[in-house]
Amino acid sequence: MPQHTPSRRSVYDLVALVTVLATGVALVALGVAPEALAAATIALAPLYSA
């Protein structure tokens, strides 16, 4: 049975997801308002899709 190796893009997507989640948790832990974090995430989302 052949083994499935993840594509380079899916590895980058996973790294980006983990990084974004960790950054969000760290910012909320440091006292940044979750509403501000959500607004920044929505504003920057098109950059990731480009």
N, C-alpha and C. Protein backbone atom coordinates (compact mmCIF):
# COMPACT_ATOMS: atom_id res chain seq x y z
N MET A 1 0.84 -1.18 0.00
CA MET A 1 0.00 0.00 0.00
C MET A 1 0.89 1.25 0.00
N PRO A 2 0.69 2.16 -0.96
CA PRO A 2 1.53 3.36 -1.02
C PRO A 2 1.24 4.30 0.14
N GLN A 3 2.29 4.94 0.60
CA GLN A 3 2.13 5.91 1.68
C GLN A 3 1.81 7.27 1.09
N HIS A 4 0.95 8.00 1.80
CA HIS A 4 0.59 9.34 1.38
C HIS A 4 1.56 10.33 2.03
N THR A 5 2.28 11.09 1.21
CA THR A 5 3.15 12.13 1.75
C THR A 5 2.46 13.47 1.53
N PRO A 6 2.40 14.29 2.57
CA PRO A 6 1.71 15.58 2.43
C PRO A 6 2.46 16.50 1.46
N SER A 7 1.71 17.26 0.71
CA SER A 7 2.34 18.19 -0.23
C SER A 7 2.97 19.34 0.55
N ARG A 8 3.86 20.00 -0.11
CA ARG A 8 4.57 21.11 0.53
C ARG A 8 3.59 22.21 0.94
N ARG A 9 2.59 22.45 0.11
CA ARG A 9 1.61 23.49 0.41
C ARG A 9 0.81 23.15 1.65
N SER A 10 0.41 21.90 1.82
CA SER A 10 -0.37 21.54 2.99
C SER A 10 0.47 21.65 4.26
N VAL A 11 1.76 21.39 4.17
CA VAL A 11 2.63 21.56 5.33
C VAL A 11 2.73 23.04 5.69
N TYR A 12 2.87 23.90 4.69
CA TYR A 12 2.92 25.34 4.93
C TYR A 12 1.61 25.83 5.53
N ASP A 13 0.49 25.31 5.02
CA ASP A 13 -0.81 25.70 5.57
C ASP A 13 -0.93 25.31 7.03
N LEU A 14 -0.46 24.12 7.38
CA LEU A 14 -0.52 23.67 8.77
C LEU A 14 0.37 24.54 9.66
N VAL A 15 1.56 24.86 9.19
CA VAL A 15 2.46 25.73 9.96
C VAL A 15 1.83 27.10 10.15
N ALA A 16 1.22 27.65 9.11
CA ALA A 16 0.58 28.96 9.22
C ALA A 16 -0.58 28.92 10.20
N LEU A 17 -1.39 27.87 10.16
CA LEU A 17 -2.52 27.74 11.07
C LEU A 17 -2.06 27.68 12.52
N VAL A 18 -1.07 26.85 12.80
CA VAL A 18 -0.58 26.71 14.17
C VAL A 18 0.03 28.03 14.65
N THR A 19 0.75 28.72 13.77
CA THR A 19 1.36 29.99 14.14
C THR A 19 0.30 31.04 14.46
N VAL A 20 -0.72 31.12 13.63
CA VAL A 20 -1.79 32.09 13.86
C VAL A 20 -2.53 31.78 15.16
N LEU A 21 -2.84 30.51 15.40
CA LEU A 21 -3.53 30.15 16.64
C LEU A 21 -2.68 30.48 17.86
N ALA A 22 -1.39 30.15 17.81
CA ALA A 22 -0.51 30.43 18.94
C ALA A 22 -0.38 31.93 19.19
N THR A 23 -0.29 32.70 18.12
CA THR A 23 -0.20 34.15 18.26
C THR A 23 -1.47 34.71 18.88
N GLY A 24 -2.63 34.22 18.43
CA GLY A 24 -3.89 34.67 19.00
C GLY A 24 -4.00 34.36 20.48
N VAL A 25 -3.62 33.17 20.87
CA VAL A 25 -3.66 32.79 22.29
C VAL A 25 -2.70 33.67 23.09
N ALA A 26 -1.51 33.90 22.57
CA ALA A 26 -0.54 34.73 23.29
C ALA A 26 -1.03 36.16 23.45
N LEU A 27 -1.62 36.72 22.40
CA LEU A 27 -2.10 38.10 22.48
C LEU A 27 -3.26 38.23 23.47
N VAL A 28 -4.17 37.28 23.47
CA VAL A 28 -5.27 37.32 24.42
C VAL A 28 -4.73 37.15 25.85
N ALA A 29 -3.74 36.29 26.02
CA ALA A 29 -3.13 36.10 27.34
C ALA A 29 -2.43 37.37 27.82
N LEU A 30 -1.91 38.16 26.89
CA LEU A 30 -1.24 39.41 27.25
C LEU A 30 -2.21 40.56 27.47
N GLY A 31 -3.50 40.32 27.24
CA GLY A 31 -4.49 41.35 27.54
C GLY A 31 -5.08 42.07 26.35
N VAL A 32 -4.77 41.66 25.15
CA VAL A 32 -5.38 42.28 23.97
C VAL A 32 -6.85 41.85 23.92
N ALA A 33 -7.71 42.79 23.64
CA ALA A 33 -9.14 42.49 23.57
C ALA A 33 -9.43 41.53 22.42
N PRO A 34 -10.20 40.48 22.68
CA PRO A 34 -10.52 39.53 21.60
C PRO A 34 -11.20 40.19 20.40
N GLU A 35 -11.96 41.24 20.64
CA GLU A 35 -12.62 41.95 19.54
C GLU A 35 -11.60 42.59 18.61
N ALA A 36 -10.56 43.17 19.18
CA ALA A 36 -9.51 43.79 18.37
C ALA A 36 -8.75 42.73 17.58
N LEU A 37 -8.52 41.60 18.21
CA LEU A 37 -7.84 40.51 17.53
C LEU A 37 -8.67 39.97 16.37
N ALA A 38 -9.96 39.86 16.59
CA ALA A 38 -10.85 39.39 15.52
C ALA A 38 -10.87 40.38 14.36
N ALA A 39 -10.91 41.67 14.66
CA ALA A 39 -10.92 42.69 13.61
C ALA A 39 -9.63 42.64 12.80
N ALA A 40 -8.49 42.49 13.46
CA ALA A 40 -7.21 42.42 12.76
C ALA A 40 -7.13 41.16 11.91
N THR A 41 -7.66 40.06 12.41
CA THR A 41 -7.64 38.80 11.66
C THR A 41 -8.47 38.92 10.39
N ILE A 42 -9.64 39.51 10.50
CA ILE A 42 -10.50 39.68 9.33
C ILE A 42 -9.83 40.61 8.32
N ALA A 43 -9.18 41.65 8.80
CA ALA A 43 -8.53 42.59 7.89
C ALA A 43 -7.34 41.97 7.16
N LEU A 44 -6.61 41.06 7.83
CA LEU A 44 -5.40 40.47 7.24
C LEU A 44 -5.66 39.18 6.48
N ALA A 45 -6.84 38.62 6.59
CA ALA A 45 -7.16 37.35 5.92
C ALA A 45 -6.93 37.38 4.41
N PRO A 46 -7.28 38.45 3.71
CA PRO A 46 -7.03 38.44 2.26
C PRO A 46 -5.55 38.31 1.89
N LEU A 47 -4.65 38.71 2.77
CA LEU A 47 -3.22 38.58 2.47
C LEU A 47 -2.83 37.11 2.39
N TYR A 48 -3.42 36.28 3.25
CA TYR A 48 -3.09 34.86 3.24
C TYR A 48 -3.63 34.18 1.98
N SER A 49 -4.79 34.61 1.53
CA SER A 49 -5.40 33.96 0.37
C SER A 49 -4.73 34.36 -0.95
N ALA A 50 -3.91 35.39 -0.92
CA ALA A 50 -3.25 35.85 -2.15
C ALA A 50 -2.16 34.93 -2.62
